[in-house]
Amino acid sequence: QAMQSLANVEDSLQRLLTALLLGGGT
């Protein structure tokens, strides 16, 4: 059984979403 947390993925996607929202709105 190989396991890995998706924390880094979620963090990267959250930062990308924030950048898109702020950048797009600006």
mmCIF file of all heavy atoms, coordinates in Angstrom:
data_MODEL
# 
_entry.id   MODEL 
# 
loop_
_atom_site.group_PDB 
_atom_site.id 
_atom_site.type_symbol 
_atom_site.label_atom_id 
_atom_site.label_alt_id 
_atom_site.label_comp_id 
_atom_site.label_asym_id 
_atom_site.label_entity_id 
_atom_site.label_seq_id 
_atom_site.pdbx_PDB_ins_code 
_atom_site.Cartn_x 
_atom_site.Cartn_y 
_atom_site.Cartn_z 
_atom_site.occupancy 
_atom_site.B_iso_or_equiv 
_atom_site.pdbx_formal_charge 
_atom_site.auth_seq_id 
_atom_site.auth_comp_id 
_atom_site.auth_asym_id 
_atom_site.auth_atom_id 
_atom_site.pdbx_PDB_model_num 
ATOM 1   N N   . GLN A 1 1  ? 0.862   -1.193 0.000   1.00 0.00 ? 1  GLN A N   1 
ATOM 2   C CA  . GLN A 1 1  ? 0.000   0.000  0.000   1.00 0.00 ? 1  GLN A CA  1 
ATOM 3   C C   . GLN A 1 1  ? 0.892   1.236  0.000   1.00 0.00 ? 1  GLN A C   1 
ATOM 4   O O   . GLN A 1 1  ? 1.645   1.483  0.934   1.00 0.00 ? 1  GLN A O   1 
ATOM 5   C CB  . GLN A 1 1  ? -0.910  -0.011 1.216   1.00 0.00 ? 1  GLN A CB  1 
ATOM 6   C CG  . GLN A 1 1  ? -1.903  1.149  1.253   1.00 0.00 ? 1  GLN A CG  1 
ATOM 7   C CD  . GLN A 1 1  ? -2.902  0.979  2.388   1.00 0.00 ? 1  GLN A CD  1 
ATOM 8   O OE1 . GLN A 1 1  ? -3.629  -0.023 2.460   1.00 0.00 ? 1  GLN A OE1 1 
ATOM 9   N NE2 . GLN A 1 1  ? -2.911  1.927  3.294   1.00 0.00 ? 1  GLN A NE2 1 
ATOM 10  N N   . ALA A 1 2  ? 0.797   2.033  -1.084  1.00 0.00 ? 2  ALA A N   1 
ATOM 11  C CA  . ALA A 1 2  ? 1.552   3.288  -1.191  1.00 0.00 ? 2  ALA A CA  1 
ATOM 12  C C   . ALA A 1 2  ? 0.589   4.444  -0.954  1.00 0.00 ? 2  ALA A C   1 
ATOM 13  O O   . ALA A 1 2  ? -0.498  4.497  -1.530  1.00 0.00 ? 2  ALA A O   1 
ATOM 14  C CB  . ALA A 1 2  ? 2.202   3.399  -2.565  1.00 0.00 ? 2  ALA A CB  1 
ATOM 15  N N   . MET A 1 3  ? 1.009   5.361  -0.063  1.00 0.00 ? 3  MET A N   1 
ATOM 16  C CA  . MET A 1 3  ? 0.124   6.465  0.322   1.00 0.00 ? 3  MET A CA  1 
ATOM 17  C C   . MET A 1 3  ? 0.890   7.795  0.255   1.00 0.00 ? 3  MET A C   1 
ATOM 18  O O   . MET A 1 3  ? 2.091   7.837  0.519   1.00 0.00 ? 3  MET A O   1 
ATOM 19  C CB  . MET A 1 3  ? -0.406  6.251  1.748   1.00 0.00 ? 3  MET A CB  1 
ATOM 20  C CG  . MET A 1 3  ? -1.066  4.903  1.978   1.00 0.00 ? 3  MET A CG  1 
ATOM 21  S SD  . MET A 1 3  ? -1.357  4.589  3.730   1.00 0.00 ? 3  MET A SD  1 
ATOM 22  C CE  . MET A 1 3  ? -2.490  5.910  4.121   1.00 0.00 ? 3  MET A CE  1 
ATOM 23  N N   . GLN A 1 4  ? 0.171   8.816  -0.098  1.00 0.00 ? 4  GLN A N   1 
ATOM 24  C CA  . GLN A 1 4  ? 0.780   10.154 -0.087  1.00 0.00 ? 4  GLN A CA  1 
ATOM 25  C C   . GLN A 1 4  ? -0.303  11.196 0.150   1.00 0.00 ? 4  GLN A C   1 
ATOM 26  O O   . GLN A 1 4  ? -1.393  11.118 -0.430  1.00 0.00 ? 4  GLN A O   1 
ATOM 27  C CB  . GLN A 1 4  ? 1.516   10.473 -1.396  1.00 0.00 ? 4  GLN A CB  1 
ATOM 28  C CG  . GLN A 1 4  ? 2.267   11.808 -1.345  1.00 0.00 ? 4  GLN A CG  1 
ATOM 29  C CD  . GLN A 1 4  ? 3.237   11.965 -2.502  1.00 0.00 ? 4  GLN A CD  1 
ATOM 30  O OE1 . GLN A 1 4  ? 3.381   11.053 -3.309  1.00 0.00 ? 4  GLN A OE1 1 
ATOM 31  N NE2 . GLN A 1 4  ? 3.906   13.081 -2.570  1.00 0.00 ? 4  GLN A NE2 1 
ATOM 32  N N   . SER A 1 5  ? 0.007   12.150 1.008   1.00 0.00 ? 5  SER A N   1 
ATOM 33  C CA  . SER A 1 5  ? -0.938  13.228 1.294   1.00 0.00 ? 5  SER A CA  1 
ATOM 34  C C   . SER A 1 5  ? -1.061  14.158 0.076   1.00 0.00 ? 5  SER A C   1 
ATOM 35  O O   . SER A 1 5  ? -0.090  14.392 -0.648  1.00 0.00 ? 5  SER A O   1 
ATOM 36  C CB  . SER A 1 5  ? -0.467  14.035 2.503   1.00 0.00 ? 5  SER A CB  1 
ATOM 37  O OG  . SER A 1 5  ? -1.273  15.182 2.685   1.00 0.00 ? 5  SER A OG  1 
ATOM 38  N N   . LEU A 1 6  ? -2.264  14.655 -0.136  1.00 0.00 ? 6  LEU A N   1 
ATOM 39  C CA  . LEU A 1 6  ? -2.517  15.594 -1.239  1.00 0.00 ? 6  LEU A CA  1 
ATOM 40  C C   . LEU A 1 6  ? -2.381  17.050 -0.777  1.00 0.00 ? 6  LEU A C   1 
ATOM 41  O O   . LEU A 1 6  ? -2.864  17.969 -1.452  1.00 0.00 ? 6  LEU A O   1 
ATOM 42  C CB  . LEU A 1 6  ? -3.909  15.367 -1.816  1.00 0.00 ? 6  LEU A CB  1 
ATOM 43  C CG  . LEU A 1 6  ? -4.138  14.003 -2.492  1.00 0.00 ? 6  LEU A CG  1 
ATOM 44  C CD1 . LEU A 1 6  ? -5.582  13.898 -2.979  1.00 0.00 ? 6  LEU A CD1 1 
ATOM 45  C CD2 . LEU A 1 6  ? -3.178  13.807 -3.651  1.00 0.00 ? 6  LEU A CD2 1 
ATOM 46  N N   . ALA A 1 7  ? -1.695  17.242 0.368   1.00 0.00 ? 7  ALA A N   1 
ATOM 47  C CA  . ALA A 1 7  ? -1.561  18.602 0.908   1.00 0.00 ? 7  ALA A CA  1 
ATOM 48  C C   . ALA A 1 7  ? -0.846  19.525 -0.065  1.00 0.00 ? 7  ALA A C   1 
ATOM 49  O O   . ALA A 1 7  ? -1.265  20.672 -0.293  1.00 0.00 ? 7  ALA A O   1 
ATOM 50  C CB  . ALA A 1 7  ? -0.823  18.552 2.245   1.00 0.00 ? 7  ALA A CB  1 
ATOM 51  N N   . ASN A 1 8  ? 0.269   19.020 -0.643  1.00 0.00 ? 8  ASN A N   1 
ATOM 52  C CA  . ASN A 1 8  ? 1.018   19.875 -1.574  1.00 0.00 ? 8  ASN A CA  1 
ATOM 53  C C   . ASN A 1 8  ? 0.197   20.207 -2.809  1.00 0.00 ? 8  ASN A C   1 
ATOM 54  O O   . ASN A 1 8  ? 0.245   21.329 -3.321  1.00 0.00 ? 8  ASN A O   1 
ATOM 55  C CB  . ASN A 1 8  ? 2.318   19.177 -1.977  1.00 0.00 ? 8  ASN A CB  1 
ATOM 56  C CG  . ASN A 1 8  ? 3.306   19.105 -0.825  1.00 0.00 ? 8  ASN A CG  1 
ATOM 57  O OD1 . ASN A 1 8  ? 3.245   19.912 0.103   1.00 0.00 ? 8  ASN A OD1 1 
ATOM 58  N ND2 . ASN A 1 8  ? 4.213   18.128 -0.878  1.00 0.00 ? 8  ASN A ND2 1 
ATOM 59  N N   . VAL A 1 9  ? -0.554  19.201 -3.275  1.00 0.00 ? 9  VAL A N   1 
ATOM 60  C CA  . VAL A 1 9  ? -1.406  19.443 -4.452  1.00 0.00 ? 9  VAL A CA  1 
ATOM 61  C C   . VAL A 1 9  ? -2.474  20.475 -4.143  1.00 0.00 ? 9  VAL A C   1 
ATOM 62  O O   . VAL A 1 9  ? -2.699  21.438 -4.897  1.00 0.00 ? 9  VAL A O   1 
ATOM 63  C CB  . VAL A 1 9  ? -2.045  18.125 -4.928  1.00 0.00 ? 9  VAL A CB  1 
ATOM 64  C CG1 . VAL A 1 9  ? -3.056  18.398 -6.049  1.00 0.00 ? 9  VAL A CG1 1 
ATOM 65  C CG2 . VAL A 1 9  ? -0.969  17.161 -5.389  1.00 0.00 ? 9  VAL A CG2 1 
ATOM 66  N N   . GLU A 1 10 ? -3.145  20.279 -3.004  1.00 0.00 ? 10 GLU A N   1 
ATOM 67  C CA  . GLU A 1 10 ? -4.195  21.223 -2.630  1.00 0.00 ? 10 GLU A CA  1 
ATOM 68  C C   . GLU A 1 10 ? -3.629  22.612 -2.403  1.00 0.00 ? 10 GLU A C   1 
ATOM 69  O O   . GLU A 1 10 ? -4.243  23.631 -2.774  1.00 0.00 ? 10 GLU A O   1 
ATOM 70  C CB  . GLU A 1 10 ? -4.911  20.738 -1.363  1.00 0.00 ? 10 GLU A CB  1 
ATOM 71  C CG  . GLU A 1 10 ? -5.650  19.415 -1.525  1.00 0.00 ? 10 GLU A CG  1 
ATOM 72  C CD  . GLU A 1 10 ? -6.799  19.537 -2.516  1.00 0.00 ? 10 GLU A CD  1 
ATOM 73  O OE1 . GLU A 1 10 ? -7.375  20.641 -2.628  1.00 0.00 ? 10 GLU A OE1 1 
ATOM 74  O OE2 . GLU A 1 10 ? -7.115  18.536 -3.182  1.00 0.00 ? 10 GLU A OE2 1 
ATOM 75  N N   . ASP A 1 11 ? -2.442  22.671 -1.805  1.00 0.00 ? 11 ASP A N   1 
ATOM 76  C CA  . ASP A 1 11 ? -1.818  23.974 -1.559  1.00 0.00 ? 11 ASP A CA  1 
ATOM 77  C C   . ASP A 1 11 ? -1.466  24.663 -2.867  1.00 0.00 ? 11 ASP A C   1 
ATOM 78  O O   . ASP A 1 11 ? -1.696  25.864 -3.036  1.00 0.00 ? 11 ASP A O   1 
ATOM 79  C CB  . ASP A 1 11 ? -0.566  23.784 -0.690  1.00 0.00 ? 11 ASP A CB  1 
ATOM 80  C CG  . ASP A 1 11 ? 0.085   25.124 -0.357  1.00 0.00 ? 11 ASP A CG  1 
ATOM 81  O OD1 . ASP A 1 11 ? -0.577  25.970 0.287   1.00 0.00 ? 11 ASP A OD1 1 
ATOM 82  O OD2 . ASP A 1 11 ? 1.253   25.329 -0.763  1.00 0.00 ? 11 ASP A OD2 1 
ATOM 83  N N   . SER A 1 12 ? -0.888  23.899 -3.793  1.00 0.00 ? 12 SER A N   1 
ATOM 84  C CA  . SER A 1 12 ? -0.538  24.483 -5.100  1.00 0.00 ? 12 SER A CA  1 
ATOM 85  C C   . SER A 1 12 ? -1.772  24.964 -5.843  1.00 0.00 ? 12 SER A C   1 
ATOM 86  O O   . SER A 1 12 ? -1.787  26.066 -6.426  1.00 0.00 ? 12 SER A O   1 
ATOM 87  C CB  . SER A 1 12 ? 0.211   23.442 -5.945  1.00 0.00 ? 12 SER A CB  1 
ATOM 88  O OG  . SER A 1 12 ? 1.426   23.077 -5.335  1.00 0.00 ? 12 SER A OG  1 
ATOM 89  N N   . LEU A 1 13 ? -2.815  24.169 -5.826  1.00 0.00 ? 13 LEU A N   1 
ATOM 90  C CA  . LEU A 1 13 ? -4.047  24.556 -6.513  1.00 0.00 ? 13 LEU A CA  1 
ATOM 91  C C   . LEU A 1 13 ? -4.695  25.763 -5.840  1.00 0.00 ? 13 LEU A C   1 
ATOM 92  O O   . LEU A 1 13 ? -5.261  26.644 -6.518  1.00 0.00 ? 13 LEU A O   1 
ATOM 93  C CB  . LEU A 1 13 ? -5.026  23.385 -6.540  1.00 0.00 ? 13 LEU A CB  1 
ATOM 94  C CG  . LEU A 1 13 ? -4.603  22.187 -7.393  1.00 0.00 ? 13 LEU A CG  1 
ATOM 95  C CD1 . LEU A 1 13 ? -5.626  21.053 -7.270  1.00 0.00 ? 13 LEU A CD1 1 
ATOM 96  C CD2 . LEU A 1 13 ? -4.446  22.590 -8.861  1.00 0.00 ? 13 LEU A CD2 1 
ATOM 97  N N   . GLN A 1 14 ? -4.616  25.814 -4.493  1.00 0.00 ? 14 GLN A N   1 
ATOM 98  C CA  . GLN A 1 14 ? -5.197  26.955 -3.784  1.00 0.00 ? 14 GLN A CA  1 
ATOM 99  C C   . GLN A 1 14 ? -4.453  28.234 -4.119  1.00 0.00 ? 14 GLN A C   1 
ATOM 100 O O   . GLN A 1 14 ? -5.058  29.291 -4.342  1.00 0.00 ? 14 GLN A O   1 
ATOM 101 C CB  . GLN A 1 14 ? -5.171  26.697 -2.280  1.00 0.00 ? 14 GLN A CB  1 
ATOM 102 C CG  . GLN A 1 14 ? -5.858  27.767 -1.449  1.00 0.00 ? 14 GLN A CG  1 
ATOM 103 C CD  . GLN A 1 14 ? -7.344  27.898 -1.788  1.00 0.00 ? 14 GLN A CD  1 
ATOM 104 O OE1 . GLN A 1 14 ? -8.027  26.893 -1.986  1.00 0.00 ? 14 GLN A OE1 1 
ATOM 105 N NE2 . GLN A 1 14 ? -7.828  29.126 -1.863  1.00 0.00 ? 14 GLN A NE2 1 
ATOM 106 N N   . ARG A 1 15 ? -3.106  28.130 -4.170  1.00 0.00 ? 15 ARG A N   1 
ATOM 107 C CA  . ARG A 1 15 ? -2.320  29.332 -4.524  1.00 0.00 ? 15 ARG A CA  1 
ATOM 108 C C   . ARG A 1 15 ? -2.586  29.756 -5.964  1.00 0.00 ? 15 ARG A C   1 
ATOM 109 O O   . ARG A 1 15 ? -2.657  30.944 -6.267  1.00 0.00 ? 15 ARG A O   1 
ATOM 110 C CB  . ARG A 1 15 ? -0.837  29.051 -4.302  1.00 0.00 ? 15 ARG A CB  1 
ATOM 111 C CG  . ARG A 1 15 ? -0.444  29.107 -2.817  1.00 0.00 ? 15 ARG A CG  1 
ATOM 112 C CD  . ARG A 1 15 ? 1.056   29.041 -2.585  1.00 0.00 ? 15 ARG A CD  1 
ATOM 113 N NE  . ARG A 1 15 ? 1.527   27.661 -2.655  1.00 0.00 ? 15 ARG A NE  1 
ATOM 114 C CZ  . ARG A 1 15 ? 2.336   27.176 -3.586  1.00 0.00 ? 15 ARG A CZ  1 
ATOM 115 N NH1 . ARG A 1 15 ? 2.766   27.974 -4.551  1.00 0.00 ? 15 ARG A NH1 1 
ATOM 116 N NH2 . ARG A 1 15 ? 2.743   25.923 -3.559  1.00 0.00 ? 15 ARG A NH2 1 
ATOM 117 N N   . LEU A 1 16 ? -2.736  28.770 -6.838  1.00 0.00 ? 16 LEU A N   1 
ATOM 118 C CA  . LEU A 1 16 ? -3.063  29.104 -8.230  1.00 0.00 ? 16 LEU A CA  1 
ATOM 119 C C   . LEU A 1 16 ? -4.433  29.765 -8.327  1.00 0.00 ? 16 LEU A C   1 
ATOM 120 O O   . LEU A 1 16 ? -4.609  30.771 -9.044  1.00 0.00 ? 16 LEU A O   1 
ATOM 121 C CB  . LEU A 1 16 ? -3.040  27.836 -9.092  1.00 0.00 ? 16 LEU A CB  1 
ATOM 122 C CG  . LEU A 1 16 ? -3.492  28.023 -10.550 1.00 0.00 ? 16 LEU A CG  1 
ATOM 123 C CD1 . LEU A 1 16 ? -2.550  28.967 -11.290 1.00 0.00 ? 16 LEU A CD1 1 
ATOM 124 C CD2 . LEU A 1 16 ? -3.574  26.679 -11.276 1.00 0.00 ? 16 LEU A CD2 1 
ATOM 125 N N   . LEU A 1 17 ? -5.409  29.223 -7.602  1.00 0.00 ? 17 LEU A N   1 
ATOM 126 C CA  . LEU A 1 17 ? -6.751  29.804 -7.624  1.00 0.00 ? 17 LEU A CA  1 
ATOM 127 C C   . LEU A 1 17 ? -6.739  31.226 -7.084  1.00 0.00 ? 17 LEU A C   1 
ATOM 128 O O   . LEU A 1 17 ? -7.386  32.129 -7.660  1.00 0.00 ? 17 LEU A O   1 
ATOM 129 C CB  . LEU A 1 17 ? -7.694  28.926 -6.800  1.00 0.00 ? 17 LEU A CB  1 
ATOM 130 C CG  . LEU A 1 17 ? -9.155  29.370 -6.756  1.00 0.00 ? 17 LEU A CG  1 
ATOM 131 C CD1 . LEU A 1 17 ? -9.761  29.380 -8.159  1.00 0.00 ? 17 LEU A CD1 1 
ATOM 132 C CD2 . LEU A 1 17 ? -9.966  28.468 -5.833  1.00 0.00 ? 17 LEU A CD2 1 
ATOM 133 N N   . THR A 1 18 ? -6.006  31.436 -6.004  1.00 0.00 ? 18 THR A N   1 
ATOM 134 C CA  . THR A 1 18 ? -5.908  32.793 -5.447  1.00 0.00 ? 18 THR A CA  1 
ATOM 135 C C   . THR A 1 18 ? -5.275  33.754 -6.451  1.00 0.00 ? 18 THR A C   1 
ATOM 136 O O   . THR A 1 18 ? -5.743  34.886 -6.639  1.00 0.00 ? 18 THR A O   1 
ATOM 137 C CB  . THR A 1 18 ? -5.076  32.765 -4.152  1.00 0.00 ? 18 THR A CB  1 
ATOM 138 O OG1 . THR A 1 18 ? -5.689  31.871 -3.218  1.00 0.00 ? 18 THR A OG1 1 
ATOM 139 C CG2 . THR A 1 18 ? -4.983  34.152 -3.542  1.00 0.00 ? 18 THR A CG2 1 
ATOM 140 N N   . ALA A 1 19 ? -4.195  33.283 -7.095  1.00 0.00 ? 19 ALA A N   1 
ATOM 141 C CA  . ALA A 1 19 ? -3.526  34.140 -8.090  1.00 0.00 ? 19 ALA A CA  1 
ATOM 142 C C   . ALA A 1 19 ? -4.453  34.456 -9.257  1.00 0.00 ? 19 ALA A C   1 
ATOM 143 O O   . ALA A 1 19 ? -4.498  35.593 -9.745  1.00 0.00 ? 19 ALA A O   1 
ATOM 144 C CB  . ALA A 1 19 ? -2.260  33.446 -8.588  1.00 0.00 ? 19 ALA A CB  1 
ATOM 145 N N   . LEU A 1 20 ? -5.212  33.452 -9.691  1.00 0.00 ? 20 LEU A N   1 
ATOM 146 C CA  . LEU A 1 20 ? -6.137  33.682 -10.812 1.00 0.00 ? 20 LEU A CA  1 
ATOM 147 C C   . LEU A 1 20 ? -7.237  34.659 -10.427 1.00 0.00 ? 20 LEU A C   1 
ATOM 148 O O   . LEU A 1 20 ? -7.598  35.558 -11.212 1.00 0.00 ? 20 LEU A O   1 
ATOM 149 C CB  . LEU A 1 20 ? -6.751  32.355 -11.260 1.00 0.00 ? 20 LEU A CB  1 
ATOM 150 C CG  . LEU A 1 20 ? -5.801  31.384 -11.980 1.00 0.00 ? 20 LEU A CG  1 
ATOM 151 C CD1 . LEU A 1 20 ? -6.508  30.057 -12.241 1.00 0.00 ? 20 LEU A CD1 1 
ATOM 152 C CD2 . LEU A 1 20 ? -5.305  31.977 -13.296 1.00 0.00 ? 20 LEU A CD2 1 
ATOM 153 N N   . LEU A 1 21 ? -7.789  34.495 -9.223  1.00 0.00 ? 21 LEU A N   1 
ATOM 154 C CA  . LEU A 1 21 ? -8.869  35.393 -8.809  1.00 0.00 ? 21 LEU A CA  1 
ATOM 155 C C   . LEU A 1 21 ? -8.376  36.823 -8.629  1.00 0.00 ? 21 LEU A C   1 
ATOM 156 O O   . LEU A 1 21 ? -8.993  37.774 -9.123  1.00 0.00 ? 21 LEU A O   1 
ATOM 157 C CB  . LEU A 1 21 ? -9.497  34.882 -7.507  1.00 0.00 ? 21 LEU A CB  1 
ATOM 158 C CG  . LEU A 1 21 ? -10.290 33.573 -7.608  1.00 0.00 ? 21 LEU A CG  1 
ATOM 159 C CD1 . LEU A 1 21 ? -10.767 33.131 -6.230  1.00 0.00 ? 21 LEU A CD1 1 
ATOM 160 C CD2 . LEU A 1 21 ? -11.473 33.751 -8.550  1.00 0.00 ? 21 LEU A CD2 1 
ATOM 161 N N   . LEU A 1 22 ? -7.249  36.961 -7.911  1.00 0.00 ? 22 LEU A N   1 
ATOM 162 C CA  . LEU A 1 22 ? -6.719  38.313 -7.705  1.00 0.00 ? 22 LEU A CA  1 
ATOM 163 C C   . LEU A 1 22 ? -6.249  38.933 -9.013  1.00 0.00 ? 22 LEU A C   1 
ATOM 164 O O   . LEU A 1 22 ? -6.543  40.093 -9.317  1.00 0.00 ? 22 LEU A O   1 
ATOM 165 C CB  . LEU A 1 22 ? -5.575  38.264 -6.687  1.00 0.00 ? 22 LEU A CB  1 
ATOM 166 C CG  . LEU A 1 22 ? -5.958  37.932 -5.238  1.00 0.00 ? 22 LEU A CG  1 
ATOM 167 C CD1 . LEU A 1 22 ? -4.722  37.860 -4.361  1.00 0.00 ? 22 LEU A CD1 1 
ATOM 168 C CD2 . LEU A 1 22 ? -6.924  38.984 -4.692  1.00 0.00 ? 22 LEU A CD2 1 
ATOM 169 N N   . GLY A 1 23 ? -5.482  38.138 -9.778  1.00 0.00 ? 23 GLY A N   1 
ATOM 170 C CA  . GLY A 1 23 ? -4.972  38.664 -11.046 1.00 0.00 ? 23 GLY A CA  1 
ATOM 171 C C   . GLY A 1 23 ? -6.084  38.972 -12.025 1.00 0.00 ? 23 GLY A C   1 
ATOM 172 O O   . GLY A 1 23 ? -6.094  40.023 -12.671 1.00 0.00 ? 23 GLY A O   1 
ATOM 173 N N   . GLY A 1 24 ? -7.057  38.036 -12.139 1.00 0.00 ? 24 GLY A N   1 
ATOM 174 C CA  . GLY A 1 24 ? -8.165  38.264 -13.062 1.00 0.00 ? 24 GLY A CA  1 
ATOM 175 C C   . GLY A 1 24 ? -9.004  39.456 -12.666 1.00 0.00 ? 24 GLY A C   1 
ATOM 176 O O   . GLY A 1 24 ? -9.379  40.281 -13.513 1.00 0.00 ? 24 GLY A O   1 
ATOM 177 N N   . GLY A 1 25 ? -9.296  39.564 -11.352 1.00 0.00 ? 25 GLY A N   1 
ATOM 178 C CA  . GLY A 1 25 ? -10.082 40.715 -10.899 1.00 0.00 ? 25 GLY A CA  1 
ATOM 179 C C   . GLY A 1 25 ? -9.356  42.026 -11.120 1.00 0.00 ? 25 GLY A C   1 
ATOM 180 O O   . GLY A 1 25 ? -9.947  43.010 -11.609 1.00 0.00 ? 25 GLY A O   1 
ATOM 181 N N   . THR A 1 26 ? -8.051  42.031 -10.784 1.00 0.00 ? 26 THR A N   1 
ATOM 182 C CA  . THR A 1 26 ? -7.266  43.265 -10.967 1.00 0.00 ? 26 THR A CA  1 
ATOM 183 C C   . THR A 1 26 ? -7.177  43.650 -12.436 1.00 0.00 ? 26 THR A C   1 
ATOM 184 O O   . THR A 1 26 ? -7.364  44.816 -12.802 1.00 0.00 ? 26 THR A O   1 
ATOM 185 C CB  . THR A 1 26 ? -5.856  43.082 -10.384 1.00 0.00 ? 26 THR A CB  1 
ATOM 186 O OG1 . THR A 1 26 ? -5.958  42.724 -9.004  1.00 0.00 ? 26 THR A OG1 1 
ATOM 187 C CG2 . THR A 1 26 ? -5.047  44.359 -10.531 1.00 0.00 ? 26 THR A CG2 1 
# 
